[in-house]
Amino acid sequence: MKYGVHAGLWMARWTDDVAPIMRTVAELGFDGVEISLLGMTDERAESLGALARSHGLEITCSDGLAPNADITSADANVRKAGVDYLRWAIRTTAKIGSGSLAGVVYAPWGVFDPGRKAERAAYAAEAFAALDGDLNACGVKLGIEAINRFETDLVNTAREATEIAEASSSDCVGVLLDTYHLNMEEKDISAAIASTGDKLVHFHVSENDRGVPGSGHLPWSDVRDGLGRAGYCGWIVAEIFVIAGNPSSADLNIWRNIEPDATDAARRSLAFMRKTFG
């Protein structure tokens, strides 16, 4: 396994300077840092990649879609804008020097349209199929994240994410699972993780309150068992958000401090990840 942490843990805004965060992440002993592509430019991408390498870190990337670039829209022009945006995101991920791009890449976060769910899933799969050449050329794996019902109506479960990945017929399209969301949506966490098999390309951990893994009630032995049954040995990234009062905290509904100190939370997360997953 490789262990990473999302830079958003320390960010007041998604566009904050990542340079001091990288130094902290490296000092803590993580293998890598996950960076959102929100606000990313070509120049910044190249400099971030070089900076990460100077700290001995690898980078994984996360991203999402805006309403005017929704690959599930009924409007063909909006769908095209979404595919064009994801092409940029794939190229930018490669420019940073990363081979991993994942997140809510199938529809805008917080947009609900349950009456068109089947149609939207088909459009998402069609878009990912169209991106297969770009993903192969750039050496990037795309992970479809299953998130909870309060954030989307389209992909809530491991099965729904896997079905879209499989429908794309692209070996470069897979699934991202996150224990925070699994805890809400899956009756059997181990079975849900195991069911993704070789489609599982990325994995996020946090506790039931989105804090330090191991500090709450999540069944971590089931998580470990599911990853083993899926044959997963890739990135495990602590996507924890614990500090209230920042603009980015409001985006994630963090209304109170889950932990008093972000760096200490990251340190404890890494210790737990190593102990739990080896």
Protein backbone atom coordinates (compact mmCIF):
# COMPACT_ATOMS: atom_id res chain seq x y z
CA MET A 1 0.00 0.00 0.00
CA LYS A 2 0.93 3.65 -0.43
CA TYR A 3 -0.36 6.17 2.09
CA GLY A 4 -1.43 9.70 1.26
CA VAL A 5 -3.38 12.58 2.77
CA HIS A 6 -5.62 15.14 1.10
CA ALA A 7 -4.14 18.64 1.14
CA GLY A 8 -7.64 19.97 1.85
CA LEU A 9 -7.12 19.03 5.49
CA TRP A 10 -5.01 22.18 5.90
CA MET A 11 -6.66 24.45 3.30
CA ALA A 12 -8.93 27.36 4.17
CA ARG A 13 -9.71 27.68 0.45
CA TRP A 14 -9.29 25.11 -2.32
CA THR A 15 -6.93 27.47 -4.14
CA ASP A 16 -4.52 27.93 -1.20
CA ASP A 17 -0.77 27.48 -1.75
CA VAL A 18 0.07 23.79 -1.43
CA ALA A 19 3.84 24.29 -1.02
CA PRO A 20 3.91 24.50 2.81
CA ILE A 21 1.42 21.63 3.00
CA MET A 22 3.73 19.41 0.95
CA ARG A 23 6.59 20.08 3.33
CA THR A 24 4.40 19.08 6.29
CA VAL A 25 3.14 15.95 4.52
CA ALA A 26 6.69 14.85 3.73
CA GLU A 27 7.87 15.51 7.29
CA LEU A 28 5.02 13.37 8.64
CA GLY A 29 6.18 10.44 6.50
CA PHE A 30 3.36 10.06 3.97
CA ASP A 31 4.12 8.63 0.54
CA GLY A 32 2.01 11.20 -1.24
CA VAL A 33 -0.44 14.08 -1.14
CA GLU A 34 -3.81 14.38 -2.85
CA ILE A 35 -4.52 17.69 -4.56
CA SER A 36 -7.77 19.10 -5.91
CA LEU A 37 -7.61 20.46 -9.45
CA LEU A 38 -9.92 23.33 -8.52
CA GLY A 39 -8.21 26.55 -9.59
CA MET A 40 -5.34 24.66 -11.21
CA THR A 41 -3.37 26.17 -14.12
CA ASP A 42 -0.79 24.59 -16.43
CA GLU A 43 2.01 26.59 -14.82
CA ARG A 44 0.94 25.66 -11.30
CA ALA A 45 0.62 21.99 -12.31
CA GLU A 46 4.20 21.82 -13.53
CA SER A 47 5.58 23.58 -10.44
CA LEU A 48 3.57 21.36 -8.06
CA GLY A 49 4.87 18.22 -9.70
CA ALA A 50 8.46 19.41 -9.37
CA LEU A 51 7.90 20.49 -5.76
CA ALA A 52 6.40 17.13 -4.83
CA ARG A 53 9.33 15.27 -6.32
CA SER A 54 11.75 17.50 -4.41
CA HIS A 55 10.05 16.35 -1.18
CA GLY A 56 10.05 12.70 -2.25
CA LEU A 57 6.26 12.71 -2.60
CA GLU A 58 3.89 11.38 -5.23
CA ILE A 59 0.63 13.12 -6.09
CA THR A 60 -2.89 11.85 -6.58
CA CYS A 61 -5.53 14.21 -7.96
CA SER A 62 -9.21 14.79 -7.26
CA ASP A 63 -11.76 16.81 -9.18
CA GLY A 64 -15.44 17.29 -9.94
CA LEU A 65 -17.76 18.82 -12.54
CA ALA A 66 -19.53 22.18 -12.66
CA PRO A 67 -23.21 22.40 -13.72
CA ASN A 68 -22.17 23.90 -17.07
CA ALA A 69 -19.91 20.88 -17.70
CA ASP A 70 -22.26 18.07 -16.69
CA ILE A 71 -21.64 14.89 -18.69
CA THR A 72 -25.12 13.66 -17.68
CA SER A 73 -26.99 16.73 -18.92
CA ALA A 74 -29.88 16.39 -21.39
CA ASP A 75 -28.14 19.15 -23.38
CA ALA A 76 -25.54 17.72 -25.77
CA ASN A 77 -23.50 20.94 -25.66
CA VAL A 78 -23.22 20.77 -21.86
CA ARG A 79 -22.20 17.11 -22.08
CA LYS A 80 -19.50 18.03 -24.60
CA ALA A 81 -18.24 20.76 -22.29
CA GLY A 82 -17.98 18.14 -19.54
CA VAL A 83 -15.96 15.77 -21.70
CA ASP A 84 -13.69 18.65 -22.75
CA TYR A 85 -13.18 19.58 -19.10
CA LEU A 86 -12.31 16.01 -18.14
CA ARG A 87 -9.83 15.88 -21.03
CA TRP A 88 -8.16 18.95 -19.53
CA ALA A 89 -8.21 17.34 -16.07
CA ILE A 90 -6.60 14.16 -17.42
CA ARG A 91 -3.85 16.12 -19.20
CA THR A 92 -3.30 18.26 -16.11
CA THR A 93 -3.03 15.19 -13.89
CA ALA A 94 -0.35 13.83 -16.20
CA LYS A 95 1.40 17.22 -16.30
CA ILE A 96 1.64 17.14 -12.51
CA GLY A 97 3.25 13.73 -12.83
CA SER A 98 0.34 11.75 -11.42
CA GLY A 99 -1.41 8.68 -12.76
CA SER A 100 -4.49 8.99 -10.54
CA LEU A 101 -7.54 11.23 -11.02
CA ALA A 102 -10.69 10.49 -9.03
CA GLY A 103 -13.73 12.07 -7.44
CA VAL A 104 -17.25 13.09 -8.36
CA VAL A 105 -16.31 13.08 -12.04
CA TYR A 106 -19.69 11.85 -13.30
CA ALA A 107 -22.03 14.74 -12.36
CA PRO A 108 -21.94 18.04 -10.48
CA TRP A 109 -21.80 17.64 -6.70
CA GLY A 110 -25.11 18.45 -5.03
CA VAL A 111 -27.22 18.23 -8.22
CA PHE A 112 -30.18 15.84 -8.03
CA ASP A 113 -32.34 14.55 -10.90
CA PRO A 114 -33.60 11.10 -9.84
CA GLY A 115 -36.18 10.84 -12.62
CA ARG A 116 -33.35 10.67 -15.17
CA LYS A 117 -31.04 8.41 -13.18
CA ALA A 118 -30.74 5.60 -15.74
CA GLU A 119 -30.30 8.06 -18.60
CA ARG A 120 -27.67 10.02 -16.69
CA ALA A 121 -25.73 6.88 -15.80
CA ALA A 122 -25.71 5.90 -19.48
CA TYR A 123 -24.48 9.34 -20.50
CA ALA A 124 -21.70 9.18 -17.89
CA ALA A 125 -20.55 5.78 -19.18
CA GLU A 126 -20.63 7.13 -22.75
CA ALA A 127 -18.45 10.08 -21.75
CA PHE A 128 -15.92 7.87 -19.99
CA ALA A 129 -15.77 5.62 -23.04
CA ALA A 130 -14.92 8.68 -25.13
CA LEU A 131 -12.06 9.48 -22.73
CA ASP A 132 -10.41 6.05 -22.98
CA GLY A 133 -7.85 7.22 -25.56
CA ASP A 134 -6.91 10.25 -23.47
CA LEU A 135 -6.53 8.17 -20.32
CA ASN A 136 -4.36 5.60 -22.08
CA ALA A 137 -2.21 8.25 -23.76
CA CYS A 138 -1.63 10.06 -20.46
CA GLY A 139 -1.24 6.96 -18.31
CA VAL A 140 -4.04 8.04 -15.97
CA LYS A 141 -6.62 5.95 -14.12
CA LEU A 142 -9.98 7.62 -13.53
CA GLY A 143 -11.87 6.75 -10.35
CA ILE A 144 -15.66 7.15 -10.04
CA GLU A 145 -16.42 8.00 -6.42
CA ALA A 146 -19.50 6.60 -4.70
CA ILE A 147 -20.75 9.27 -2.29
CA ASN A 148 -23.69 9.53 0.06
CA ARG A 149 -27.31 10.33 -0.79
CA PHE A 150 -27.08 13.88 0.59
CA GLU A 151 -24.43 14.79 -2.01
CA THR A 152 -25.71 13.01 -5.13
CA ASP A 153 -28.51 10.72 -6.24
CA LEU A 154 -26.54 9.12 -9.06
CA VAL A 155 -23.70 7.05 -7.53
CA ASN A 156 -24.23 6.17 -3.88
CA THR A 157 -23.00 2.58 -3.72
CA ALA A 158 -20.00 0.53 -4.79
CA ARG A 159 -22.28 -1.36 -7.16
CA GLU A 160 -23.51 1.79 -8.90
CA ALA A 161 -19.95 3.06 -9.37
CA THR A 162 -18.79 -0.30 -10.68
CA GLU A 163 -21.69 -0.55 -13.13
CA ILE A 164 -20.81 2.78 -14.76
CA ALA A 165 -17.12 1.88 -14.87
CA GLU A 166 -17.92 -1.45 -16.52
CA ALA A 167 -20.37 0.17 -18.96
CA SER A 168 -17.58 2.49 -20.16
CA SER A 169 -15.64 -0.58 -21.40
CA SER A 170 -12.43 1.27 -20.52
CA ASP A 171 -9.71 -0.47 -18.55
CA CYS A 172 -8.62 3.00 -17.38
CA VAL A 173 -11.94 3.74 -15.64
CA GLY A 174 -12.51 2.35 -12.19
CA VAL A 175 -13.95 3.05 -8.76
CA LEU A 176 -13.02 5.21 -5.78
CA LEU A 177 -14.53 4.16 -2.45
CA ASP A 178 -14.50 6.22 0.74
CA THR A 179 -15.20 4.84 4.21
CA TYR A 180 -17.14 7.98 5.20
CA HIS A 181 -19.68 7.30 2.45
CA LEU A 182 -19.57 3.50 2.75
CA ASN A 183 -20.59 3.87 6.39
CA MET A 184 -23.83 5.57 5.32
CA GLU A 185 -24.77 3.65 2.19
CA GLU A 186 -23.62 0.03 2.48
CA LYS A 187 -25.22 -2.69 4.64
CA ASP A 188 -22.04 -4.80 4.44
CA ILE A 189 -18.90 -2.71 4.03
CA SER A 190 -16.56 -5.66 3.49
CA ALA A 191 -18.76 -7.17 0.79
CA ALA A 192 -19.23 -3.80 -0.92
CA ILE A 193 -15.49 -3.20 -1.17
CA ALA A 194 -14.79 -6.77 -2.27
CA SER A 195 -17.47 -6.55 -4.99
CA THR A 196 -15.48 -3.95 -6.92
CA GLY A 197 -12.63 -6.40 -7.54
CA ASP A 198 -10.06 -5.10 -9.99
CA LYS A 199 -12.22 -2.04 -10.71
CA LEU A 200 -11.13 -0.51 -7.38
CA VAL A 201 -8.45 2.04 -8.33
CA HIS A 202 -8.40 4.40 -5.34
CA PHE A 203 -9.44 4.39 -1.69
CA HIS A 204 -10.18 7.11 0.86
CA VAL A 205 -10.34 6.68 4.62
CA SER A 206 -11.83 8.82 7.35
CA GLU A 207 -13.89 8.12 10.44
CA ASN A 208 -17.69 8.27 10.61
CA ASP A 209 -17.44 11.98 11.55
CA ARG A 210 -14.90 12.63 8.75
CA GLY A 211 -12.14 12.76 11.32
CA VAL A 212 -9.14 10.59 12.20
CA PRO A 213 -9.68 6.95 11.20
CA GLY A 214 -9.84 4.68 14.22
CA SER A 215 -11.30 7.36 16.50
CA GLY A 216 -14.97 6.48 15.92
CA HIS A 217 -17.20 3.49 15.29
CA LEU A 218 -16.32 2.35 11.76
CA PRO A 219 -15.63 -1.43 11.46
CA TRP A 220 -12.03 -1.21 10.32
CA SER A 221 -11.48 -4.97 10.32
CA ASP A 222 -14.29 -5.18 7.73
CA VAL A 223 -12.61 -2.47 5.66
CA ARG A 224 -9.29 -4.33 5.75
CA ASP A 225 -11.03 -7.61 4.90
CA GLY A 226 -12.86 -6.07 1.94
CA LEU A 227 -9.66 -4.59 0.51
CA GLY A 228 -7.97 -7.96 0.83
CA ARG A 229 -10.83 -9.74 -0.91
CA ALA A 230 -10.72 -7.17 -3.73
CA GLY A 231 -6.97 -7.75 -4.08
CA TYR A 232 -6.36 -4.04 -3.63
CA CYS A 233 -2.82 -2.81 -3.00
CA GLY A 234 -2.91 0.79 -4.25
CA TRP A 235 -3.28 4.19 -2.62
CA ILE A 236 -5.04 4.64 0.70
CA VAL A 237 -5.56 8.36 1.23
CA ALA A 238 -6.75 10.00 4.42
CA GLU A 239 -9.44 12.40 3.21
CA ILE A 240 -10.20 13.93 6.58
CA PHE A 241 -11.68 17.36 7.25
CA VAL A 242 -11.60 18.47 10.86
CA ILE A 243 -11.39 22.28 11.14
CA ALA A 244 -14.49 24.49 11.07
CA GLY A 245 -14.74 28.16 10.12
CA ASN A 246 -13.05 28.08 6.70
CA PRO A 247 -14.77 28.60 3.34
CA SER A 248 -13.79 25.06 2.33
CA SER A 249 -15.17 23.73 5.63
CA ALA A 250 -18.59 25.15 4.79
CA ASP A 251 -18.50 23.32 1.44
CA LEU A 252 -18.13 20.07 3.41
CA ASN A 253 -20.57 20.92 6.22
CA ILE A 254 -17.87 20.94 8.89
CA TRP A 255 -19.61 23.11 11.49
CA ARG A 256 -17.47 22.31 14.52
CA ASN A 257 -13.85 21.34 15.05
CA ILE A 258 -13.70 17.56 14.82
CA GLU A 259 -10.07 17.67 15.94
CA PRO A 260 -8.19 20.64 17.43
CA ASP A 261 -5.14 20.42 15.16
CA ALA A 262 -4.93 19.37 11.51
CA THR A 263 -1.29 18.27 11.55
CA ASP A 264 -1.78 16.11 14.63
CA ALA A 265 -4.86 14.59 12.98
CA ALA A 266 -2.76 13.71 9.92
CA ARG A 267 -0.02 12.19 12.10
CA ARG A 268 -2.50 10.00 13.97
CA SER A 269 -4.20 9.00 10.71
CA LEU A 270 -0.96 7.76 9.20
CA ALA A 271 -0.12 5.75 12.31
CA PHE A 272 -3.54 4.13 12.20
CA MET A 273 -3.34 3.39 8.47
CA ARG A 274 0.04 1.70 8.84
CA LYS A 275 -1.13 -0.36 11.79
CA THR A 276 -4.39 -1.39 10.12
CA PHE A 277 -3.36 -2.01 6.52
CA GLY A 278 0.31 -2.94 6.87
